[in-house]
Each structure stands twice: as C-alpha cells, then as structure tokens.
C-alpha cells in the first residue's frame, strides 16, 4: 500500500492530517447516551461557557474546521 503523507492511520479509521480529529469508543458513546437529558444539556452549556472565554483568534480557527 502506498503511503500518503496527508493521511494518518488512527485505530481502524483513516483521518486527514489537516485540522484535528478524535476517536470516541462505542462504550464511551453509549455511556453518554445513558446520561439524563438534563445532564447532557448542562454539560453542553458548560462547554459553551468555556468556549466564550477563548480568544477570538482560537474560536475563528475552530469555526474554520467546523465548516470543512
């Protein structure tokens, strides 16, 4: 197999080396789904509050990757 410098192998997933990515295990995702909806909403709200404190330069970089 020919290697591509722009692609990283992560577990059984191929992810681009540009930007960022993460891997969530199935059991972690299942545990999140078992949380009550109120806890999930509180968690999302807390993360959004943390993001508000970031410099606008960092938020712009994050937003760029969200749209790709």
PDB file of N, CA and C in Angstrom:
ATOM      1  N   UNK A   1       0.849  -1.185   0.000  1.00  0.00           N
ATOM      2  CA  UNK A   1       0.000   0.000   0.000  1.00  0.00           C
ATOM      3  C   UNK A   1       0.891   1.244   0.000  1.00  0.00           C
ATOM      4  N   UNK A   2       0.585   2.175  -0.848  1.00  0.00           N
ATOM      5  CA  UNK A   2       1.343   3.412  -0.973  1.00  0.00           C
ATOM      6  C   UNK A   2       0.995   4.344   0.188  1.00  0.00           C
ATOM      7  N   UNK A   3       2.011   4.922   0.830  1.00  0.00           N
ATOM      8  CA  UNK A   3       1.775   5.833   1.951  1.00  0.00           C
ATOM      9  C   UNK A   3       1.473   7.236   1.448  1.00  0.00           C
ATOM     10  N   UNK A   4       0.544   7.878   2.090  1.00  0.00           N
ATOM     11  CA  UNK A   4       0.163   9.246   1.785  1.00  0.00           C
ATOM     12  C   UNK A   4       0.524  10.103   2.992  1.00  0.00           C
ATOM     13  N   UNK A   5       1.360  11.107   2.807  1.00  0.00           N
ATOM     14  CA  UNK A   5       1.799  11.956   3.912  1.00  0.00           C
ATOM     15  C   UNK A   5       0.647  12.751   4.524  1.00  0.00           C
ATOM     16  N   UNK A   6      -0.440  12.946   3.793  1.00  0.00           N
ATOM     17  CA  UNK A   6      -1.547  13.752   4.284  1.00  0.00           C
ATOM     18  C   UNK A   6      -2.574  12.944   5.061  1.00  0.00           C
ATOM     19  N   UNK A   7      -2.307  11.673   5.274  1.00  0.00           N
ATOM     20  CA  UNK A   7      -3.284  10.832   5.959  1.00  0.00           C
ATOM     21  C   UNK A   7      -2.598  10.098   7.103  1.00  0.00           C
ATOM     22  N   UNK A   8      -3.241  10.088   8.256  1.00  0.00           N
ATOM     23  CA  UNK A   8      -2.748   9.355   9.408  1.00  0.00           C
ATOM     24  C   UNK A   8      -3.669   8.163   9.650  1.00  0.00           C
ATOM     25  N   UNK A   9      -3.115   7.071  10.102  1.00  0.00           N
ATOM     26  CA  UNK A   9      -3.925   5.919  10.482  1.00  0.00           C
ATOM     27  C   UNK A   9      -4.166   6.004  11.982  1.00  0.00           C
ATOM     28  N   UNK A  10      -5.402   5.971  12.392  1.00  0.00           N
ATOM     29  CA  UNK A  10      -5.771   6.035  13.798  1.00  0.00           C
ATOM     30  C   UNK A  10      -6.745   4.905  14.073  1.00  0.00           C
ATOM     31  N   UNK A  11      -6.279   3.903  14.823  1.00  0.00           N
ATOM     32  CA  UNK A  11      -7.073   2.711  15.095  1.00  0.00           C
ATOM     33  C   UNK A  11      -7.478   2.128  13.738  1.00  0.00           C
ATOM     34  N   UNK A  12      -8.747   1.960  13.481  1.00  0.00           N
ATOM     35  CA  UNK A  12      -9.207   1.431  12.201  1.00  0.00           C
ATOM     36  C   UNK A  12      -9.772   2.535  11.318  1.00  0.00           C
ATOM     37  N   UNK A  13      -9.474   3.774  11.655  1.00  0.00           N
ATOM     38  CA  UNK A  13     -10.028   4.907  10.922  1.00  0.00           C
ATOM     39  C   UNK A  13      -8.915   5.649  10.189  1.00  0.00           C
ATOM     40  N   UNK A  14      -9.215   6.134   9.013  1.00  0.00           N
ATOM     41  CA  UNK A  14      -8.295   6.990   8.280  1.00  0.00           C
ATOM     42  C   UNK A  14      -8.775   8.423   8.469  1.00  0.00           C
ATOM     43  N   UNK A  15      -7.886   9.265   8.976  1.00  0.00           N
ATOM     44  CA  UNK A  15      -8.264  10.650   9.233  1.00  0.00           C
ATOM     45  C   UNK A  15      -7.276  11.577   8.554  1.00  0.00           C
ATOM     46  N   UNK A  16      -7.727  12.707   8.061  1.00  0.00           N
ATOM     47  CA  UNK A  16      -6.802  13.651   7.435  1.00  0.00           C
ATOM     48  C   UNK A  16      -5.866  14.251   8.474  1.00  0.00           C
ATOM     49  N   UNK A  17      -4.624  14.545   8.064  1.00  0.00           N
ATOM     50  CA  UNK A  17      -3.672  15.168   8.986  1.00  0.00           C
ATOM     51  C   UNK A  17      -3.914  16.669   9.110  1.00  0.00           C
ATOM     52  N   UNK A  18      -4.719  17.236   8.227  1.00  0.00           N
ATOM     53  CA  UNK A  18      -5.069  18.651   8.315  1.00  0.00           C
ATOM     54  C   UNK A  18      -6.152  18.822   9.374  1.00  0.00           C
ATOM     55  N   UNK A  19      -6.019  19.809  10.216  1.00  0.00           N
ATOM     56  CA  UNK A  19      -7.029  20.064  11.226  1.00  0.00           C
ATOM     57  C   UNK A  19      -6.866  19.128  12.400  1.00  0.00           C
ATOM     58  N   UNK A  20      -7.966  18.654  12.934  1.00  0.00           N
ATOM     59  CA  UNK A  20      -7.912  17.769  14.075  1.00  0.00           C
ATOM     60  C   UNK A  20      -9.047  16.764  13.987  1.00  0.00           C
ATOM     61  N   UNK A  21      -8.898  15.691  14.707  1.00  0.00           N
ATOM     62  CA  UNK A  21      -9.956  14.690  14.803  1.00  0.00           C
ATOM     63  C   UNK A  21      -9.821  13.990  16.137  1.00  0.00           C
ATOM     64  N   UNK A  22     -10.802  13.252  16.497  1.00  0.00           N
ATOM     65  CA  UNK A  22     -10.753  12.476  17.719  1.00  0.00           C
ATOM     66  C   UNK A  22     -11.563  11.212  17.519  1.00  0.00           C
ATOM     67  N   UNK A  23     -11.307  10.255  18.365  1.00  0.00           N
ATOM     68  CA  UNK A  23     -11.985   8.975  18.283  1.00  0.00           C
ATOM     69  C   UNK A  23     -12.715   8.734  19.594  1.00  0.00           C
ATOM     70  N   UNK A  24     -13.983   8.375  19.514  1.00  0.00           N
ATOM     71  CA  UNK A  24     -14.773   8.064  20.695  1.00  0.00           C
ATOM     72  C   UNK A  24     -15.150   6.590  20.615  1.00  0.00           C
ATOM     73  N   UNK A  25     -14.802   5.852  21.660  1.00  0.00           N
ATOM     74  CA  UNK A  25     -15.126   4.430  21.688  1.00  0.00           C
ATOM     75  C   UNK A  25     -16.638   4.239  21.812  1.00  0.00           C
ATOM     76  N   UNK A  26     -17.123   3.133  21.300  1.00  0.00           N
ATOM     77  CA  UNK A  26     -18.556   2.849  21.352  1.00  0.00           C
ATOM     78  C   UNK A  26     -19.089   2.833  22.782  1.00  0.00           C
ATOM     79  N   UNK A  27     -18.320   2.268  23.729  1.00  0.00           N
ATOM     80  CA  UNK A  27     -18.794   2.224  25.114  1.00  0.00           C
ATOM     81  C   UNK A  27     -18.853   3.622  25.741  1.00  0.00           C
ATOM     82  N   UNK A  28     -17.951   4.526  25.325  1.00  0.00           N
ATOM     83  CA  UNK A  28     -17.999   5.906  25.817  1.00  0.00           C
ATOM     84  C   UNK A  28     -19.241   6.614  25.273  1.00  0.00           C
ATOM     85  N   UNK A  29     -19.529   6.385  24.013  1.00  0.00           N
ATOM     86  CA  UNK A  29     -20.709   6.992  23.404  1.00  0.00           C
ATOM     87  C   UNK A  29     -21.988   6.449  24.039  1.00  0.00           C
ATOM     88  N   UNK A  30     -22.014   5.153  24.310  1.00  0.00           N
ATOM     89  CA  UNK A  30     -23.177   4.545  24.958  1.00  0.00           C
ATOM     90  C   UNK A  30     -23.375   5.127  26.350  1.00  0.00           C
ATOM     91  N   UNK A  31     -22.284   5.308  27.096  1.00  0.00           N
ATOM     92  CA  UNK A  31     -22.380   5.882  28.445  1.00  0.00           C
ATOM     93  C   UNK A  31     -22.967   7.297  28.384  1.00  0.00           C
ATOM     94  N   UNK A  32     -22.560   8.074  27.383  1.00  0.00           N
ATOM     95  CA  UNK A  32     -23.106   9.426  27.221  1.00  0.00           C
ATOM     96  C   UNK A  32     -24.606   9.366  26.953  1.00  0.00           C
ATOM     97  N   UNK A  33     -25.034   8.439  26.116  1.00  0.00           N
ATOM     98  CA  UNK A  33     -26.461   8.315  25.793  1.00  0.00           C
ATOM     99  C   UNK A  33     -27.289   7.893  27.002  1.00  0.00           C
ATOM    100  N   UNK A  34     -26.653   7.286  27.980  1.00  0.00           N
ATOM    101  CA  UNK A  34     -27.371   6.867  29.188  1.00  0.00           C
ATOM    102  C   UNK A  34     -27.545   8.004  30.192  1.00  0.00           C
ATOM    103  N   UNK A  35     -26.817   9.112  30.005  1.00  0.00           N
ATOM    104  CA  UNK A  35     -26.996  10.266  30.878  1.00  0.00           C
ATOM    105  C   UNK A  35     -28.410  10.805  30.706  1.00  0.00           C
ATOM    106  N   UNK A  36     -29.001  11.342  31.767  1.00  0.00           N
ATOM    107  CA  UNK A  36     -30.291  12.032  31.603  1.00  0.00           C
ATOM    108  C   UNK A  36     -30.091  13.260  30.702  1.00  0.00           C
ATOM    109  N   UNK A  37     -31.131  13.628  30.007  1.00  0.00           N
ATOM    110  CA  UNK A  37     -31.049  14.756  29.068  1.00  0.00           C
ATOM    111  C   UNK A  37     -30.607  16.030  29.781  1.00  0.00           C
ATOM    112  N   UNK A  38     -31.033  16.214  31.039  1.00  0.00           N
ATOM    113  CA  UNK A  38     -30.637  17.409  31.785  1.00  0.00           C
ATOM    114  C   UNK A  38     -29.121  17.464  31.974  1.00  0.00           C
ATOM    115  N   UNK A  39     -28.507  16.330  32.265  1.00  0.00           N
ATOM    116  CA  UNK A  39     -27.060  16.289  32.461  1.00  0.00           C
ATOM    117  C   UNK A  39     -26.340  16.595  31.151  1.00  0.00           C
ATOM    118  N   UNK A  40     -26.846  16.064  30.042  1.00  0.00           N
ATOM    119  CA  UNK A  40     -26.226  16.352  28.738  1.00  0.00           C
ATOM    120  C   UNK A  40     -26.307  17.833  28.416  1.00  0.00           C
ATOM    121  N   UNK A  41     -27.470  18.438  28.671  1.00  0.00           N
ATOM    122  CA  UNK A  41     -27.637  19.871  28.400  1.00  0.00           C
ATOM    123  C   UNK A  41     -26.733  20.714  29.297  1.00  0.00           C
ATOM    124  N   UNK A  42     -26.613  20.334  30.588  1.00  0.00           N
ATOM    125  CA  UNK A  42     -25.713  21.056  31.497  1.00  0.00           C
ATOM    126  C   UNK A  42     -24.272  20.974  30.994  1.00  0.00           C
ATOM    127  N   UNK A  43     -23.872  19.807  30.534  1.00  0.00           N
ATOM    128  CA  UNK A  43     -22.513  19.611  30.032  1.00  0.00           C
ATOM    129  C   UNK A  43     -22.259  20.479  28.794  1.00  0.00           C
ATOM    130  N   UNK A  44     -23.214  20.493  27.862  1.00  0.00           N
ATOM    131  CA  UNK A  44     -23.060  21.322  26.659  1.00  0.00           C
ATOM    132  C   UNK A  44     -23.019  22.803  27.009  1.00  0.00           C
ATOM    133  N   UNK A  45     -23.850  23.200  27.964  1.00  0.00           N
ATOM    134  CA  UNK A  45     -23.865  24.594  28.395  1.00  0.00           C
ATOM    135  C   UNK A  45     -22.514  24.987  28.999  1.00  0.00           C
ATOM    136  N   UNK A  46     -21.949  24.107  29.842  1.00  0.00           N
ATOM    137  CA  UNK A  46     -20.652  24.387  30.464  1.00  0.00           C
ATOM    138  C   UNK A  46     -19.558  24.507  29.411  1.00  0.00           C
ATOM    139  N   UNK A  47     -19.578  23.641  28.415  1.00  0.00           N
ATOM    140  CA  UNK A  47     -18.571  23.703  27.353  1.00  0.00           C
ATOM    141  C   UNK A  47     -18.699  25.009  26.568  1.00  0.00           C
ATOM    142  N   UNK A  48     -19.932  25.431  26.298  1.00  0.00           N
ATOM    143  CA  UNK A  48     -20.135  26.693  25.583  1.00  0.00           C
ATOM    144  C   UNK A  48     -19.655  27.885  26.404  1.00  0.00           C
ATOM    145  N   UNK A  49     -19.845  27.831  27.730  1.00  0.00           N
ATOM    146  CA  UNK A  49     -19.332  28.908  28.584  1.00  0.00           C
ATOM    147  C   UNK A  49     -17.811  28.963  28.527  1.00  0.00           C
ATOM    148  N   UNK A  50     -17.171  27.798  28.560  1.00  0.00           N
ATOM    149  CA  UNK A  50     -15.711  27.758  28.458  1.00  0.00           C
ATOM    150  C   UNK A  50     -15.242  28.332  27.123  1.00  0.00           C
ATOM    151  N   UNK A  51     -15.958  28.000  26.049  1.00  0.00           N
ATOM    152  CA  UNK A  51     -15.566  28.480  24.721  1.00  0.00           C
ATOM    153  C   UNK A  51     -15.665  30.003  24.626  1.00  0.00           C
ATOM    154  N   UNK A  52     -16.644  30.578  25.311  1.00  0.00           N
ATOM    155  CA  UNK A  52     -16.797  32.038  25.289  1.00  0.00           C
ATOM    156  C   UNK A  52     -15.563  32.745  25.827  1.00  0.00           C
ATOM    157  N   UNK A  53     -14.831  32.094  26.718  1.00  0.00           N
ATOM    158  CA  UNK A  53     -13.644  32.691  27.300  1.00  0.00           C
ATOM    159  C   UNK A  53     -12.397  32.589  26.423  1.00  0.00           C
ATOM    160  N   UNK A  54     -12.501  31.856  25.321  1.00  0.00           N
ATOM    161  CA  UNK A  54     -11.348  31.708  24.437  1.00  0.00           C
ATOM    162  C   UNK A  54     -11.112  32.976  23.628  1.00  0.00           C
ATOM    163  N   UNK A  55      -9.872  33.244  23.248  1.00  0.00           N
ATOM    164  CA  UNK A  55      -9.611  34.393  22.374  1.00  0.00           C
ATOM    165  C   UNK A  55     -10.324  34.207  21.029  1.00  0.00           C
ATOM    166  N   UNK A  56     -10.733  35.296  20.428  1.00  0.00           N
ATOM    167  CA  UNK A  56     -11.470  35.214  19.158  1.00  0.00           C
ATOM    168  C   UNK A  56     -10.636  34.536  18.073  1.00  0.00           C
ATOM    169  N   UNK A  57      -9.320  34.667  18.135  1.00  0.00           N
ATOM    170  CA  UNK A  57      -8.445  34.009  17.148  1.00  0.00           C
ATOM    171  C   UNK A  57      -8.619  32.490  17.214  1.00  0.00           C
ATOM    172  N   UNK A  58      -8.689  31.944  18.421  1.00  0.00           N
ATOM    173  CA  UNK A  58      -8.850  30.500  18.600  1.00  0.00           C
ATOM    174  C   UNK A  58     -10.238  30.063  18.133  1.00  0.00           C
ATOM    175  N   UNK A  59     -11.256  30.837  18.477  1.00  0.00           N
ATOM    176  CA  UNK A  59     -12.619  30.490  18.052  1.00  0.00           C
ATOM    177  C   UNK A  59     -12.740  30.513  16.527  1.00  0.00           C
ATOM    178  N   UNK A  60     -12.083  31.467  15.883  1.00  0.00           N
ATOM    179  CA  UNK A  60     -12.111  31.526  14.418  1.00  0.00           C
ATOM    180  C   UNK A  60     -11.465  30.288  13.803  1.00  0.00           C
ATOM    181  N   UNK A  61     -10.375  29.827  14.390  1.00  0.00           N
ATOM    182  CA  UNK A  61      -9.713  28.615  13.901  1.00  0.00           C
ATOM    183  C   UNK A  61     -10.645  27.418  14.072  1.00  0.00           C
ATOM    184  N   UNK A  62     -11.275  27.293  15.242  1.00  0.00           N
ATOM    185  CA  UNK A  62     -12.213  26.194  15.482  1.00  0.00           C
ATOM    186  C   UNK A  62     -13.373  26.233  14.489  1.00  0.00           C
ATOM    187  N   UNK A  63     -13.923  27.412  14.272  1.00  0.00           N
ATOM    188  CA  UNK A  63     -15.045  27.546  13.359  1.00  0.00           C
ATOM    189  C   UNK A  63     -14.665  27.172  11.928  1.00  0.00           C
ATOM    190  N   UNK A  64     -13.438  27.470  11.541  1.00  0.00           N
ATOM    191  CA  UNK A  64     -12.981  27.102  10.216  1.00  0.00           C
ATOM    192  C   UNK A  64     -13.031  25.591  10.028  1.00  0.00           C
ATOM    193  N   UNK A  65     -12.589  24.847  11.030  1.00  0.00           N
ATOM    194  CA  UNK A  65     -12.590  23.393  10.914  1.00  0.00           C
ATOM    195  C   UNK A  65     -13.990  22.815  11.011  1.00  0.00           C
ATOM    196  N   UNK A  66     -14.891  23.481  11.692  1.00  0.00           N
ATOM    197  CA  UNK A  66     -16.279  23.009  11.780  1.00  0.00           C
ATOM    198  C   UNK A  66     -16.968  23.060  10.428  1.00  0.00           C
ATOM    199  N   UNK A  67     -16.613  24.008   9.617  1.00  0.00           N
ATOM    200  CA  UNK A  67     -17.284  24.189   8.328  1.00  0.00           C
ATOM    201  C   UNK A  67     -16.713  23.321   7.225  1.00  0.00           C
ATOM    202  N   UNK A  68     -15.584  22.648   7.485  1.00  0.00           N
ATOM    203  CA  UNK A  68     -14.976  21.812   6.440  1.00  0.00           C
ATOM    204  C   UNK A  68     -15.576  20.439   6.398  1.00  0.00           C
TER     205      UNK A  68
END
